[in-house]
Amino acid sequence: ADSRDAGAAAALNWRTLELQSSGLTGSVASRIELRTFPAAELQSSLVDAPQLKSPRQAGSRILELEVANSIRLLLGAGIDRRSRLWFNAGDGLPLQLMRVRQGNKPSWKLYRFGSRRVYRQRRQPADRAEMKQPAGRWSEVSESFYPLPDAEAECPVILESSQLLYLLSRPHTVPGDGSEALCVFDRQHVYRVDFRVLGRELLEVNYLQVESGQETRVKRTLEALHVTLTGRPLEEAAADGQPFSFLGLQGDIQLLLSDPGRIPLRVRGQVPGFGMIDLELVELTR
């Protein structure tokens, strides 16, 4: 696949995914939803950050990818994280990202993408009393800018990390032959992500499929494509020890995708404080 078309719109075999993992120490759940909007509906919600000089412009259609992660530890408090990414359906370029963390160390972050850098606004509660207020009333506010590399050869396109799931789910496209450069912005840095297809394997699945209001239990053995993705920062010294993150997972990520279909059946990675987990598909809506 041409990396310049890495984020462009394509029909997927899912609209929502629900994946879960449970073990002796607690449980992790992830819900992912993809929606399409006319640009006019969301244009007013795009932050005007004059300091960007050249903020990304919305195309005629915008895709919204929402990811909600929930971590419940048996011996500790729960943590909920939610992100909403808006990106152009045409060229795939990310426009704006909002991230909210509830529970321990709550925070609200907004990222607005420009052609040369990314603007971030961060809000945090100043005390326990403010923690009970909506994020818009939190008084600790900071602004930051993160440069995007001017390296056409190495990073012709820079996506946001959650778009990788959308990319991998496109039915007829799986990158990973090592000939393409794919770069993503994740939190504060740009990472180069290498894909590798390890082959195919059989996987027993058991999930609920909802289509046109009809529910079907899919419980059988499917052939799955085994893909790994590894992210490393473009500037090693600038990584600050932050590992690449994908859907709340860290480290080298393992995915099993139905073949054909490219439905994410299993995602494996590290959850800080939780260890290595396997997120298994439990429900899919078309």
C-alpha atoms as a PDB file:
ATOM      1  CA  ALA A   1       0.000   0.000   0.000  1.00  0.00           C
ATOM      2  CA  ASP A   2       1.164   3.525  -0.781  1.00  0.00           C
ATOM      3  CA  SER A   3       1.895   5.220   2.522  1.00  0.00           C
ATOM      4  CA  ARG A   4       0.447   8.441   1.091  1.00  0.00           C
ATOM      5  CA  ASP A   5      -2.916   6.715   1.054  1.00  0.00           C
ATOM      6  CA  ALA A   6      -2.401   5.198   4.500  1.00  0.00           C
ATOM      7  CA  GLY A   7      -5.329   6.876   6.208  1.00  0.00           C
ATOM      8  CA  ALA A   8      -7.728   7.362   3.309  1.00  0.00           C
ATOM      9  CA  ALA A   9     -11.321   6.209   3.639  1.00  0.00           C
ATOM     10  CA  ALA A  10     -12.209   2.597   2.957  1.00  0.00           C
ATOM     11  CA  ALA A  11     -15.188   0.420   3.816  1.00  0.00           C
ATOM     12  CA  LEU A  12     -14.551  -1.741   6.865  1.00  0.00           C
ATOM     13  CA  ASN A  13     -16.286  -4.866   8.090  1.00  0.00           C
ATOM     14  CA  TRP A  14     -17.107  -3.219  11.429  1.00  0.00           C
ATOM     15  CA  ARG A  15     -18.528  -0.033  12.927  1.00  0.00           C
ATOM     16  CA  THR A  16     -17.932  -0.894  16.572  1.00  0.00           C
ATOM     17  CA  LEU A  17     -15.643  -3.385  18.280  1.00  0.00           C
ATOM     18  CA  GLU A  18     -15.648  -4.522  21.883  1.00  0.00           C
ATOM     19  CA  LEU A  19     -12.627  -6.398  23.182  1.00  0.00           C
ATOM     20  CA  GLN A  20     -12.017  -7.729  26.677  1.00  0.00           C
ATOM     21  CA  SER A  21      -9.377  -9.427  28.780  1.00  0.00           C
ATOM     22  CA  SER A  22      -9.698 -10.740  32.307  1.00  0.00           C
ATOM     23  CA  GLY A  23      -7.355 -12.416  34.720  1.00  0.00           C
ATOM     24  CA  LEU A  24      -6.546 -12.951  38.358  1.00  0.00           C
ATOM     25  CA  THR A  25      -5.563  -9.317  38.911  1.00  0.00           C
ATOM     26  CA  GLY A  26      -8.499  -7.597  37.202  1.00  0.00           C
ATOM     27  CA  SER A  27      -9.897  -6.854  33.767  1.00  0.00           C
ATOM     28  CA  VAL A  28      -9.259  -4.629  30.755  1.00  0.00           C
ATOM     29  CA  ALA A  29     -11.885  -3.661  28.185  1.00  0.00           C
ATOM     30  CA  SER A  30     -11.722  -1.603  25.020  1.00  0.00           C
ATOM     31  CA  ARG A  31     -14.594  -0.248  22.907  1.00  0.00           C
ATOM     32  CA  ILE A  32     -13.844   1.215  19.483  1.00  0.00           C
ATOM     33  CA  GLU A  33     -16.326   3.036  17.258  1.00  0.00           C
ATOM     34  CA  LEU A  34     -15.956   4.567  13.804  1.00  0.00           C
ATOM     35  CA  ARG A  35     -18.367   7.250  12.569  1.00  0.00           C
ATOM     36  CA  THR A  36     -18.563   9.481   9.483  1.00  0.00           C
ATOM     37  CA  PHE A  37     -19.674  13.115   9.511  1.00  0.00           C
ATOM     38  CA  PRO A  38     -20.001  15.893   6.937  1.00  0.00           C
ATOM     39  CA  ALA A  39     -17.281  18.437   7.680  1.00  0.00           C
ATOM     40  CA  ALA A  40     -19.886  21.161   8.297  1.00  0.00           C
ATOM     41  CA  GLU A  41     -21.159  19.329  11.380  1.00  0.00           C
ATOM     42  CA  LEU A  42     -17.755  19.333  13.090  1.00  0.00           C
ATOM     43  CA  GLN A  43     -16.098  22.421  11.658  1.00  0.00           C
ATOM     44  CA  SER A  44     -17.039  24.603  14.639  1.00  0.00           C
ATOM     45  CA  SER A  45     -15.520  22.037  17.019  1.00  0.00           C
ATOM     46  CA  LEU A  46     -12.066  22.283  15.458  1.00  0.00           C
ATOM     47  CA  VAL A  47      -9.917  24.486  17.676  1.00  0.00           C
ATOM     48  CA  ASP A  48      -8.514  27.613  16.050  1.00  0.00           C
ATOM     49  CA  ALA A  49      -4.928  27.756  17.293  1.00  0.00           C
ATOM     50  CA  PRO A  50      -3.317  30.823  15.710  1.00  0.00           C
ATOM     51  CA  GLN A  51       0.120  29.715  16.898  1.00  0.00           C
ATOM     52  CA  LEU A  52      -0.037  26.764  14.479  1.00  0.00           C
ATOM     53  CA  LYS A  53       0.076  29.201  11.519  1.00  0.00           C
ATOM     54  CA  SER A  54      -1.169  26.469   9.172  1.00  0.00           C
ATOM     55  CA  PRO A  55      -3.699  24.201  10.937  1.00  0.00           C
ATOM     56  CA  ARG A  56      -4.914  21.184   9.001  1.00  0.00           C
ATOM     57  CA  GLN A  57      -8.008  21.905   6.948  1.00  0.00           C
ATOM     58  CA  ALA A  58     -11.048  19.632   7.059  1.00  0.00           C
ATOM     59  CA  GLY A  59     -12.109  17.848   3.910  1.00  0.00           C
ATOM     60  CA  SER A  60     -15.698  17.279   2.812  1.00  0.00           C
ATOM     61  CA  ARG A  61     -16.089  14.243   5.095  1.00  0.00           C
ATOM     62  CA  ILE A  62     -14.529  13.573   8.487  1.00  0.00           C
ATOM     63  CA  LEU A  63     -14.111  10.222  10.203  1.00  0.00           C
ATOM     64  CA  GLU A  64     -14.289  10.027  13.988  1.00  0.00           C
ATOM     65  CA  LEU A  65     -12.513   7.154  15.701  1.00  0.00           C
ATOM     66  CA  GLU A  66     -13.423   6.830  19.374  1.00  0.00           C
ATOM     67  CA  VAL A  67     -11.553   4.493  21.706  1.00  0.00           C
ATOM     68  CA  ALA A  68     -12.700   3.891  25.287  1.00  0.00           C
ATOM     69  CA  ASN A  69     -10.466   1.835  27.572  1.00  0.00           C
ATOM     70  CA  SER A  70     -11.379   0.643  31.050  1.00  0.00           C
ATOM     71  CA  ILE A  71      -8.935  -0.919  33.507  1.00  0.00           C
ATOM     72  CA  ARG A  72     -10.234  -2.527  36.695  1.00  0.00           C
ATOM     73  CA  LEU A  73      -7.716  -3.880  39.190  1.00  0.00           C
ATOM     74  CA  LEU A  74      -8.936  -6.148  41.983  1.00  0.00           C
ATOM     75  CA  LEU A  75      -6.692  -4.447  44.542  1.00  0.00           C
ATOM     76  CA  GLY A  76      -6.870  -0.873  43.257  1.00  0.00           C
ATOM     77  CA  ALA A  77      -9.040   1.837  41.757  1.00  0.00           C
ATOM     78  CA  GLY A  78     -10.191   1.733  38.166  1.00  0.00           C
ATOM     79  CA  ILE A  79      -8.893   3.919  35.351  1.00  0.00           C
ATOM     80  CA  ASP A  80     -10.956   5.014  32.354  1.00  0.00           C
ATOM     81  CA  ARG A  81      -9.458   6.566  29.254  1.00  0.00           C
ATOM     82  CA  ARG A  82     -11.336   7.869  26.238  1.00  0.00           C
ATOM     83  CA  SER A  83      -9.993   9.361  23.016  1.00  0.00           C
ATOM     84  CA  ARG A  84     -11.783  10.892  20.023  1.00  0.00           C
ATOM     85  CA  LEU A  85      -9.793  11.407  16.850  1.00  0.00           C
ATOM     86  CA  TRP A  86     -11.084  13.307  13.828  1.00  0.00           C
ATOM     87  CA  PHE A  87      -9.328  12.756  10.514  1.00  0.00           C
ATOM     88  CA  ASN A  88     -10.092  13.483   6.881  1.00  0.00           C
ATOM     89  CA  ALA A  89     -11.807  10.689   4.990  1.00  0.00           C
ATOM     90  CA  GLY A  90     -10.059  11.727   1.775  1.00  0.00           C
ATOM     91  CA  ASP A  91      -6.359  12.053   2.535  1.00  0.00           C
ATOM     92  CA  GLY A  92      -6.453  10.445   6.003  1.00  0.00           C
ATOM     93  CA  LEU A  93      -4.642  13.331   7.700  1.00  0.00           C
ATOM     94  CA  PRO A  94      -5.468  13.747  11.422  1.00  0.00           C
ATOM     95  CA  LEU A  95      -7.163  17.009  12.396  1.00  0.00           C
ATOM     96  CA  GLN A  96      -7.855  16.937  16.126  1.00  0.00           C
ATOM     97  CA  LEU A  97      -7.628  14.531  19.053  1.00  0.00           C
ATOM     98  CA  MET A  98      -9.189  14.716  22.515  1.00  0.00           C
ATOM     99  CA  ARG A  99      -8.071  12.470  25.375  1.00  0.00           C
ATOM    100  CA  VAL A 100      -9.721  12.205  28.777  1.00  0.00           C
ATOM    101  CA  ARG A 101      -8.407  10.205  31.713  1.00  0.00           C
ATOM    102  CA  GLN A 102     -10.583   9.548  34.768  1.00  0.00           C
ATOM    103  CA  GLY A 103      -9.666   7.900  38.023  1.00  0.00           C
ATOM    104  CA  ASN A 104      -6.079   8.213  39.184  1.00  0.00           C
ATOM    105  CA  LYS A 105      -4.443  11.456  37.966  1.00  0.00           C
ATOM    106  CA  PRO A 106      -7.376  12.704  35.850  1.00  0.00           C
ATOM    107  CA  SER A 107      -6.563  14.895  32.862  1.00  0.00           C
ATOM    108  CA  TRP A 108      -8.061  16.360  29.688  1.00  0.00           C
ATOM    109  CA  LYS A 109      -5.911  16.913  26.603  1.00  0.00           C
ATOM    110  CA  LEU A 110      -6.659  18.377  23.207  1.00  0.00           C
ATOM    111  CA  TYR A 111      -4.300  18.035  20.249  1.00  0.00           C
ATOM    112  CA  ARG A 112      -4.749  20.156  17.110  1.00  0.00           C
ATOM    113  CA  PHE A 113      -2.673  19.106  14.117  1.00  0.00           C
ATOM    114  CA  GLY A 114      -0.900  21.527  11.824  1.00  0.00           C
ATOM    115  CA  SER A 115       1.359  20.957   8.853  1.00  0.00           C
ATOM    116  CA  ARG A 116       4.554  21.558  10.841  1.00  0.00           C
ATOM    117  CA  ARG A 117       3.646  20.944  14.457  1.00  0.00           C
ATOM    118  CA  VAL A 118       0.969  19.811  16.891  1.00  0.00           C
ATOM    119  CA  TYR A 119      -0.642  22.086  19.468  1.00  0.00           C
ATOM    120  CA  ARG A 120      -1.619  20.574  22.826  1.00  0.00           C
ATOM    121  CA  GLN A 121      -3.759  22.029  25.580  1.00  0.00           C
ATOM    122  CA  ARG A 122      -3.807  20.154  28.879  1.00  0.00           C
ATOM    123  CA  ARG A 123      -6.199  20.592  31.793  1.00  0.00           C
ATOM    124  CA  GLN A 124      -5.940  19.094  35.268  1.00  0.00           C
ATOM    125  CA  PRO A 125      -7.837  19.634  38.526  1.00  0.00           C
ATOM    126  CA  ALA A 126      -5.943  21.774  41.036  1.00  0.00           C
ATOM    127  CA  ASP A 127      -7.326  19.876  44.046  1.00  0.00           C
ATOM    128  CA  ARG A 128      -9.812  17.207  45.100  1.00  0.00           C
ATOM    129  CA  ALA A 129     -12.700  19.673  44.991  1.00  0.00           C
ATOM    130  CA  GLU A 130     -12.018  20.427  41.331  1.00  0.00           C
ATOM    131  CA  MET A 131     -11.859  16.728  40.532  1.00  0.00           C
ATOM    132  CA  LYS A 132     -15.646  16.640  40.997  1.00  0.00           C
ATOM    133  CA  GLN A 133     -16.117  19.406  38.426  1.00  0.00           C
ATOM    134  CA  PRO A 134     -16.321  19.011  34.619  1.00  0.00           C
ATOM    135  CA  ALA A 135     -12.955  19.138  32.875  1.00  0.00           C
ATOM    136  CA  GLY A 136     -13.802  22.545  31.412  1.00  0.00           C
ATOM    137  CA  ARG A 137     -13.627  24.000  34.926  1.00  0.00           C
ATOM    138  CA  TRP A 138     -10.252  22.556  35.889  1.00  0.00           C
ATOM    139  CA  SER A 139      -7.920  25.433  36.595  1.00  0.00           C
ATOM    140  CA  GLU A 140      -4.489  23.942  35.873  1.00  0.00           C
ATOM    141  CA  VAL A 141      -4.078  24.688  32.166  1.00  0.00           C
ATOM    142  CA  SER A 142      -0.926  24.409  30.073  1.00  0.00           C
ATOM    143  CA  GLU A 143      -0.117  24.697  26.371  1.00  0.00           C
ATOM    144  CA  SER A 144       2.630  22.947  24.418  1.00  0.00           C
ATOM    145  CA  PHE A 145       3.811  22.493  20.847  1.00  0.00           C
ATOM    146  CA  TYR A 146       5.420  19.426  19.342  1.00  0.00           C
ATOM    147  CA  PRO A 147       7.292  19.652  16.032  1.00  0.00           C
ATOM    148  CA  LEU A 148       6.556  17.339  13.139  1.00  0.00           C
ATOM    149  CA  PRO A 149       9.617  16.214  11.187  1.00  0.00           C
ATOM    150  CA  ASP A 150      10.314  17.799   7.841  1.00  0.00           C
ATOM    151  CA  ALA A 151      11.521  14.556   6.324  1.00  0.00           C
ATOM    152  CA  GLU A 152       9.560  13.786   3.187  1.00  0.00           C
ATOM    153  CA  ALA A 153      11.491  10.627   2.385  1.00  0.00           C
ATOM    154  CA  GLU A 154      11.111   8.995   5.792  1.00  0.00           C
ATOM    155  CA  CYS A 155       7.671  10.318   6.762  1.00  0.00           C
ATOM    156  CA  PRO A 156       5.598  11.298   3.717  1.00  0.00           C
ATOM    157  CA  VAL A 157       2.503  10.905   5.914  1.00  0.00           C
ATOM    158  CA  ILE A 158       2.208  11.241   9.694  1.00  0.00           C
ATOM    159  CA  LEU A 159      -0.907   9.655  11.194  1.00  0.00           C
ATOM    160  CA  GLU A 160      -2.138   9.471  14.782  1.00  0.00           C
ATOM    161  CA  SER A 161      -1.455   6.123  16.457  1.00  0.00           C
ATOM    162  CA  SER A 162      -5.099   4.975  16.794  1.00  0.00           C
ATOM    163  CA  GLN A 163      -5.473   5.186  12.998  1.00  0.00           C
ATOM    164  CA  LEU A 164      -3.331   2.080  12.718  1.00  0.00           C
ATOM    165  CA  LEU A 165      -6.334  -0.060  13.667  1.00  0.00           C
ATOM    166  CA  TYR A 166      -8.350   1.538  10.875  1.00  0.00           C
ATOM    167  CA  LEU A 167      -5.508   0.968   8.454  1.00  0.00           C
ATOM    168  CA  LEU A 168      -5.076  -2.690   9.396  1.00  0.00           C
ATOM    169  CA  SER A 169      -8.831  -3.302   9.153  1.00  0.00           C
ATOM    170  CA  ARG A 170      -9.058  -2.310   5.502  1.00  0.00           C
ATOM    171  CA  PRO A 171     -10.144  -5.563   3.832  1.00  0.00           C
ATOM    172  CA  HIS A 172      -7.617  -5.701   1.009  1.00  0.00           C
ATOM    173  CA  THR A 173      -4.629  -3.910   2.480  1.00  0.00           C
ATOM    174  CA  VAL A 174      -2.049  -5.115   4.954  1.00  0.00           C
ATOM    175  CA  PRO A 175       1.273  -3.267   5.011  1.00  0.00           C
ATOM    176  CA  GLY A 176       4.351  -4.911   6.355  1.00  0.00           C
ATOM    177  CA  ASP A 177       6.743  -5.909   3.612  1.00  0.00           C
ATOM    178  CA  GLY A 178       9.296  -3.488   5.016  1.00  0.00           C
ATOM    179  CA  SER A 179       9.361  -1.264   1.921  1.00  0.00           C
ATOM    180  CA  GLU A 180       7.062   1.467   3.255  1.00  0.00           C
ATOM    181  CA  ALA A 181       7.694   4.067   5.941  1.00  0.00           C
ATOM    182  CA  LEU A 182       4.734   4.689   8.197  1.00  0.00           C
ATOM    183  CA  CYS A 183       4.986   7.319  10.892  1.00  0.00           C
ATOM    184  CA  VAL A 184       2.559   8.166  13.687  1.00  0.00           C
ATOM    185  CA  PHE A 185       2.262  10.865  16.314  1.00  0.00           C
ATOM    186  CA  ASP A 186       1.689   9.417  19.786  1.00  0.00           C
ATOM    187  CA  ARG A 187       1.392  11.698  22.834  1.00  0.00           C
ATOM    188  CA  GLN A 188       4.488  13.883  22.395  1.00  0.00           C
ATOM    189  CA  HIS A 189       6.636  12.204  19.785  1.00  0.00           C
ATOM    190  CA  VAL A 190       6.649  10.888  16.243  1.00  0.00           C
ATOM    191  CA  TYR A 191       7.345   7.169  15.894  1.00  0.00           C
ATOM    192  CA  ARG A 192       8.208   5.093  12.885  1.00  0.00           C
ATOM    193  CA  VAL A 193       6.084   1.949  12.937  1.00  0.00           C
ATOM    194  CA  ASP A 194       7.328  -1.216  11.304  1.00  0.00           C
ATOM    195  CA  PHE A 195       4.778  -3.856  10.313  1.00  0.00           C
ATOM    196  CA  ARG A 196       5.600  -7.494   9.933  1.00  0.00           C
ATOM    197  CA  VAL A 197       3.313 -10.266   8.741  1.00  0.00           C
ATOM    198  CA  LEU A 198       4.259 -13.497  10.523  1.00  0.00           C
ATOM    199  CA  GLY A 199       1.856 -15.689   8.599  1.00  0.00           C
ATOM    200  CA  ARG A 200      -1.537 -17.255   9.161  1.00  0.00           C
ATOM    201  CA  GLU A 201      -2.845 -19.344  12.030  1.00  0.00           C
ATOM    202  CA  LEU A 202      -6.102 -20.877  13.222  1.00  0.00           C
ATOM    203  CA  LEU A 203      -7.929 -19.126  16.069  1.00  0.00           C
ATOM    204  CA  GLU A 204     -11.025 -20.150  18.007  1.00  0.00           C
ATOM    205  CA  VAL A 205     -13.403 -17.200  18.311  1.00  0.00           C
ATOM    206  CA  ASN A 206     -16.588 -16.576  20.256  1.00  0.00           C
ATOM    207  CA  TYR A 207     -18.185 -13.178  19.721  1.00  0.00           C
ATOM    208  CA  LEU A 208     -21.565 -11.561  19.134  1.00  0.00           C
ATOM    209  CA  GLN A 209     -22.140 -10.024  15.715  1.00  0.00           C
ATOM    210  CA  VAL A 210     -24.867  -7.397  15.302  1.00  0.00           C
ATOM    211  CA  GLU A 211     -25.989  -6.442  11.814  1.00  0.00           C
ATOM    212  CA  SER A 212     -29.215  -4.624  10.869  1.00  0.00           C
ATOM    213  CA  GLY A 213     -30.531  -5.235  14.369  1.00  0.00           C
ATOM    214  CA  GLN A 214     -29.990  -8.988  14.117  1.00  0.00           C
ATOM    215  CA  GLU A 215     -27.674 -10.739  16.583  1.00  0.00           C
ATOM    216  CA  THR A 216     -25.601 -13.753  15.573  1.00  0.00           C
ATOM    217  CA  ARG A 217     -23.198 -15.709  17.760  1.00  0.00           C
ATOM    218  CA  VAL A 218     -19.972 -16.442  15.886  1.00  0.00           C
ATOM    219  CA  LYS A 219     -18.348 -19.419  17.561  1.00  0.00           C
ATOM    220  CA  ARG A 220     -15.942 -21.327  15.360  1.00  0.00           C
ATOM    221  CA  THR A 221     -12.359 -21.598  14.197  1.00  0.00           C
ATOM    222  CA  LEU A 222     -11.197 -18.883  11.805  1.00  0.00           C
ATOM    223  CA  GLU A 223      -8.028 -18.386   9.830  1.00  0.00           C
ATOM    224  CA  ALA A 224      -6.249 -15.279  11.053  1.00  0.00           C
ATOM    225  CA  LEU A 225      -3.404 -13.157   9.771  1.00  0.00           C
ATOM    226  CA  HIS A 226      -0.723 -12.615  12.434  1.00  0.00           C
ATOM    227  CA  VAL A 227       0.699  -9.085  12.278  1.00  0.00           C
ATOM    228  CA  THR A 228       3.181  -7.415  14.612  1.00  0.00           C
ATOM    229  CA  LEU A 229       3.862  -3.712  14.836  1.00  0.00           C
ATOM    230  CA  THR A 230       6.835  -2.111  16.500  1.00  0.00           C
ATOM    231  CA  GLY A 231       7.235   1.617  17.034  1.00  0.00           C
ATOM    232  CA  ARG A 232      10.468   3.444  17.649  1.00  0.00           C
ATOM    233  CA  PRO A 233      10.904   7.224  18.013  1.00  0.00           C
ATOM    234  CA  LEU A 234      12.403   9.041  15.070  1.00  0.00           C
ATOM    235  CA  GLU A 235      14.660  10.896  17.486  1.00  0.00           C
ATOM    236  CA  GLU A 236      15.914   8.389  20.028  1.00  0.00           C
ATOM    237  CA  ALA A 237      17.128  11.049  22.451  1.00  0.00           C
ATOM    238  CA  ALA A 238      13.723  12.760  22.483  1.00  0.00           C
ATOM    239  CA  ALA A 239      11.702   9.725  23.559  1.00  0.00           C
ATOM    240  CA  ASP A 240      12.026  10.482  27.302  1.00  0.00           C
ATOM    241  CA  GLY A 241      11.636   6.785  27.954  1.00  0.00           C
ATOM    242  CA  GLN A 242       8.058   6.793  26.611  1.00  0.00           C
ATOM    243  CA  PRO A 243       7.274   3.558  24.769  1.00  0.00           C
ATOM    244  CA  PHE A 244       5.068   3.517  21.705  1.00  0.00           C
ATOM    245  CA  SER A 245       1.381   3.191  22.627  1.00  0.00           C
ATOM    246  CA  PHE A 246      -1.462   1.646  20.612  1.00  0.00           C
ATOM    247  CA  LEU A 247      -5.051   1.520  21.920  1.00  0.00           C
ATOM    248  CA  GLY A 248      -3.718   1.820  25.477  1.00  0.00           C
ATOM    249  CA  LEU A 249      -1.237  -1.036  24.956  1.00  0.00           C
ATOM    250  CA  GLN A 250       2.529  -0.613  24.930  1.00  0.00           C
ATOM    251  CA  GLY A 251       5.551  -2.451  23.610  1.00  0.00           C
ATOM    252  CA  ASP A 252       5.559  -4.706  20.561  1.00  0.00           C
ATOM    253  CA  ILE A 253       1.928  -5.214  19.557  1.00  0.00           C
ATOM    254  CA  GLN A 254       0.581  -8.501  18.209  1.00  0.00           C
ATOM    255  CA  LEU A 255      -2.654  -8.607  16.208  1.00  0.00           C
ATOM    256  CA  LEU A 256      -4.692 -11.440  14.757  1.00  0.00           C
ATOM    257  CA  LEU A 257      -6.966 -10.299  11.916  1.00  0.00           C
ATOM    258  CA  SER A 258      -9.566 -12.460  10.213  1.00  0.00           C
ATOM    259  CA  ASP A 259      -8.460 -13.417   6.727  1.00  0.00           C
ATOM    260  CA  PRO A 260     -10.382 -12.593   4.665  1.00  0.00           C
ATOM    261  CA  GLY A 261     -12.280  -9.733   6.315  1.00  0.00           C
ATOM    262  CA  ARG A 262      -9.541  -8.042   8.377  1.00  0.00           C
ATOM    263  CA  ILE A 263     -11.647  -8.028  11.544  1.00  0.00           C
ATOM    264  CA  PRO A 264      -9.447  -7.553  14.649  1.00  0.00           C
ATOM    265  CA  LEU A 265      -9.945 -10.765  16.613  1.00  0.00           C
ATOM    266  CA  ARG A 266      -7.150 -10.399  19.166  1.00  0.00           C
ATOM    267  CA  VAL A 267      -4.760  -7.625  20.191  1.00  0.00           C
ATOM    268  CA  ARG A 268      -1.853  -8.329  22.516  1.00  0.00           C
ATOM    269  CA  GLY A 269       0.395  -5.885  24.349  1.00  0.00           C
ATOM    270  CA  GLN A 270       1.502  -4.525  27.707  1.00  0.00           C
ATOM    271  CA  VAL A 271      -0.719  -2.526  30.064  1.00  0.00           C
ATOM    272  CA  PRO A 272       1.361  -0.569  32.608  1.00  0.00           C
ATOM    273  CA  GLY A 273       0.802  -2.004  36.076  1.00  0.00           C
ATOM    274  CA  PHE A 274      -1.133  -4.927  34.630  1.00  0.00           C
ATOM    275  CA  GLY A 275       1.329  -6.867  32.487  1.00  0.00           C
ATOM    276  CA  MET A 276       0.935  -8.585  29.133  1.00  0.00           C
ATOM    277  CA  ILE A 277      -2.695  -9.074  28.096  1.00  0.00           C
ATOM    278  CA  ASP A 278      -4.728 -10.479  25.215  1.00  0.00           C
ATOM    279  CA  LEU A 279      -7.746  -8.401  24.249  1.00  0.00           C
ATOM    280  CA  GLU A 280     -10.252 -10.783  22.636  1.00  0.00           C
ATOM    281  CA  LEU A 281     -13.138  -9.691  20.400  1.00  0.00           C
ATOM    282  CA  VAL A 282     -16.467 -10.188  22.243  1.00  0.00           C
ATOM    283  CA  GLU A 283     -18.852  -8.060  20.135  1.00  0.00           C
ATOM    284  CA  LEU A 284     -18.881  -6.552  16.665  1.00  0.00           C
ATOM    285  CA  THR A 285     -21.415  -4.242  15.007  1.00  0.00           C
ATOM    286  CA  ARG A 286     -21.464  -3.793  11.276  1.00  0.00           C
END
